[in-house]
Amino acid sequence: MTVALSLVHSTLRIEVADFGNINPDQRNCYADATDDEHGRGIGIVNLLADRAEILQEQKGWRVRATIGIAVHPS
């Protein structure tokens, strides 16, 4: 797994690439009452991010998200 973060003006960009075994049906799951510990991350990203996209790649998945933040000058 790799994680990249960048801040451009007032937008935080987050990109996560995961090349592990992921069930594609779990990518849009939201937390529910089950005890399952997998498949909740994308739901959390969709709730918090201003924009998110999921890309299926040859060896896994890549998720890109942006979040607008307030930047205060020092």
C-alpha atoms as a PDB file:
ATOM      1  CA  MET A   1       0.000   0.000   0.000  1.00  0.00           C
ATOM      2  CA  THR A   2       1.199   3.523  -0.737  1.00  0.00           C
ATOM      3  CA  VAL A   3      -0.182   6.835   0.499  1.00  0.00           C
ATOM      4  CA  ALA A   4       0.525  10.256  -1.003  1.00  0.00           C
ATOM      5  CA  LEU A   5      -0.600  13.588   0.461  1.00  0.00           C
ATOM      6  CA  SER A   6      -0.296  17.049  -1.029  1.00  0.00           C
ATOM      7  CA  LEU A   7      -1.634  20.474  -0.130  1.00  0.00           C
ATOM      8  CA  VAL A   8      -2.411  22.758  -3.061  1.00  0.00           C
ATOM      9  CA  HIS A   9      -3.780  26.128  -1.974  1.00  0.00           C
ATOM     10  CA  SER A  10      -6.686  25.142   0.286  1.00  0.00           C
ATOM     11  CA  THR A  11      -7.185  21.613  -1.042  1.00  0.00           C
ATOM     12  CA  LEU A  12      -5.744  18.515   0.584  1.00  0.00           C
ATOM     13  CA  ARG A  13      -5.241  15.733  -1.953  1.00  0.00           C
ATOM     14  CA  ILE A  14      -4.982  12.159  -0.722  1.00  0.00           C
ATOM     15  CA  GLU A  15      -4.155   9.156  -2.872  1.00  0.00           C
ATOM     16  CA  VAL A  16      -4.017   5.587  -1.619  1.00  0.00           C
ATOM     17  CA  ALA A  17      -2.946   2.649  -3.760  1.00  0.00           C
ATOM     18  CA  ASP A  18      -3.705  -0.811  -2.383  1.00  0.00           C
ATOM     19  CA  PHE A  19      -2.541  -3.866  -4.249  1.00  0.00           C
ATOM     20  CA  GLY A  20      -3.811  -6.426  -1.744  1.00  0.00           C
ATOM     21  CA  ASN A  21      -6.762  -8.731  -2.156  1.00  0.00           C
ATOM     22  CA  ILE A  22      -9.917  -6.613  -2.124  1.00  0.00           C
ATOM     23  CA  ASN A  23     -13.421  -7.786  -2.825  1.00  0.00           C
ATOM     24  CA  PRO A  24     -14.753  -5.308  -5.438  1.00  0.00           C
ATOM     25  CA  ASP A  25     -18.237  -5.539  -3.902  1.00  0.00           C
ATOM     26  CA  GLN A  26     -16.882  -3.988  -0.682  1.00  0.00           C
ATOM     27  CA  ARG A  27     -15.632  -0.755  -2.227  1.00  0.00           C
ATOM     28  CA  ASN A  28     -18.948   1.074  -1.733  1.00  0.00           C
ATOM     29  CA  CYS A  29     -19.896  -0.385   1.656  1.00  0.00           C
ATOM     30  CA  TYR A  30     -20.781   1.885   4.555  1.00  0.00           C
ATOM     31  CA  ALA A  31     -20.395   0.928   8.178  1.00  0.00           C
ATOM     32  CA  ASP A  32     -23.347  -1.066   9.414  1.00  0.00           C
ATOM     33  CA  ALA A  33     -24.235  -3.205  12.386  1.00  0.00           C
ATOM     34  CA  THR A  34     -22.096  -6.196  11.356  1.00  0.00           C
ATOM     35  CA  ASP A  35     -18.800  -7.073  12.994  1.00  0.00           C
ATOM     36  CA  ASP A  36     -16.980  -7.168   9.647  1.00  0.00           C
ATOM     37  CA  GLU A  37     -13.747  -5.155   9.814  1.00  0.00           C
ATOM     38  CA  HIS A  38     -13.330  -4.827   6.040  1.00  0.00           C
ATOM     39  CA  GLY A  39     -14.964  -2.697   3.370  1.00  0.00           C
ATOM     40  CA  ARG A  40     -15.644   0.381   5.483  1.00  0.00           C
ATOM     41  CA  GLY A  41     -12.835   2.676   4.318  1.00  0.00           C
ATOM     42  CA  ILE A  42     -14.440   3.822   1.077  1.00  0.00           C
ATOM     43  CA  GLY A  43     -17.654   4.682   2.869  1.00  0.00           C
ATOM     44  CA  ILE A  44     -15.726   6.846   5.310  1.00  0.00           C
ATOM     45  CA  VAL A  45     -13.844   8.556   2.466  1.00  0.00           C
ATOM     46  CA  ASN A  46     -17.107   9.270   0.615  1.00  0.00           C
ATOM     47  CA  LEU A  47     -18.599  10.854   3.727  1.00  0.00           C
ATOM     48  CA  LEU A  48     -15.596  13.080   4.514  1.00  0.00           C
ATOM     49  CA  ALA A  49     -14.213  14.027   1.099  1.00  0.00           C
ATOM     50  CA  ASP A  50     -15.446  16.780  -1.182  1.00  0.00           C
ATOM     51  CA  ARG A  51     -14.615  14.538  -4.136  1.00  0.00           C
ATOM     52  CA  ALA A  52     -13.488  10.923  -4.349  1.00  0.00           C
ATOM     53  CA  GLU A  53     -12.802   8.505  -7.154  1.00  0.00           C
ATOM     54  CA  ILE A  54     -12.001   4.808  -7.165  1.00  0.00           C
ATOM     55  CA  LEU A  55      -9.850   3.412  -9.931  1.00  0.00           C
ATOM     56  CA  GLN A  56      -9.426  -0.283 -10.571  1.00  0.00           C
ATOM     57  CA  GLU A  57      -5.923  -1.028 -11.780  1.00  0.00           C
ATOM     58  CA  GLN A  58      -4.313  -4.178 -13.083  1.00  0.00           C
ATOM     59  CA  LYS A  59      -2.966  -5.189  -9.654  1.00  0.00           C
ATOM     60  CA  GLY A  60      -5.424  -3.561  -7.242  1.00  0.00           C
ATOM     61  CA  TRP A  61      -7.217  -0.309  -6.444  1.00  0.00           C
ATOM     62  CA  ARG A  62      -6.336   3.376  -6.247  1.00  0.00           C
ATOM     63  CA  VAL A  63      -8.488   5.881  -4.358  1.00  0.00           C
ATOM     64  CA  ARG A  64      -8.088   9.621  -4.865  1.00  0.00           C
ATOM     65  CA  ALA A  65      -9.859  12.115  -2.641  1.00  0.00           C
ATOM     66  CA  THR A  66      -9.815  15.868  -2.107  1.00  0.00           C
ATOM     67  CA  ILE A  67     -10.848  17.809   0.974  1.00  0.00           C
ATOM     68  CA  GLY A  68     -11.116  21.582   1.158  1.00  0.00           C
ATOM     69  CA  ILE A  69      -9.462  22.985   4.266  1.00  0.00           C
ATOM     70  CA  ALA A  70      -9.059  26.398   5.807  1.00  0.00           C
ATOM     71  CA  VAL A  71      -5.483  27.653   5.548  1.00  0.00           C
ATOM     72  CA  HIS A  72      -4.497  30.292   8.084  1.00  0.00           C
ATOM     73  CA  PRO A  73      -1.432  32.431   7.327  1.00  0.00           C
ATOM     74  CA  SER A  74       1.310  32.230   9.957  1.00  0.00           C
END
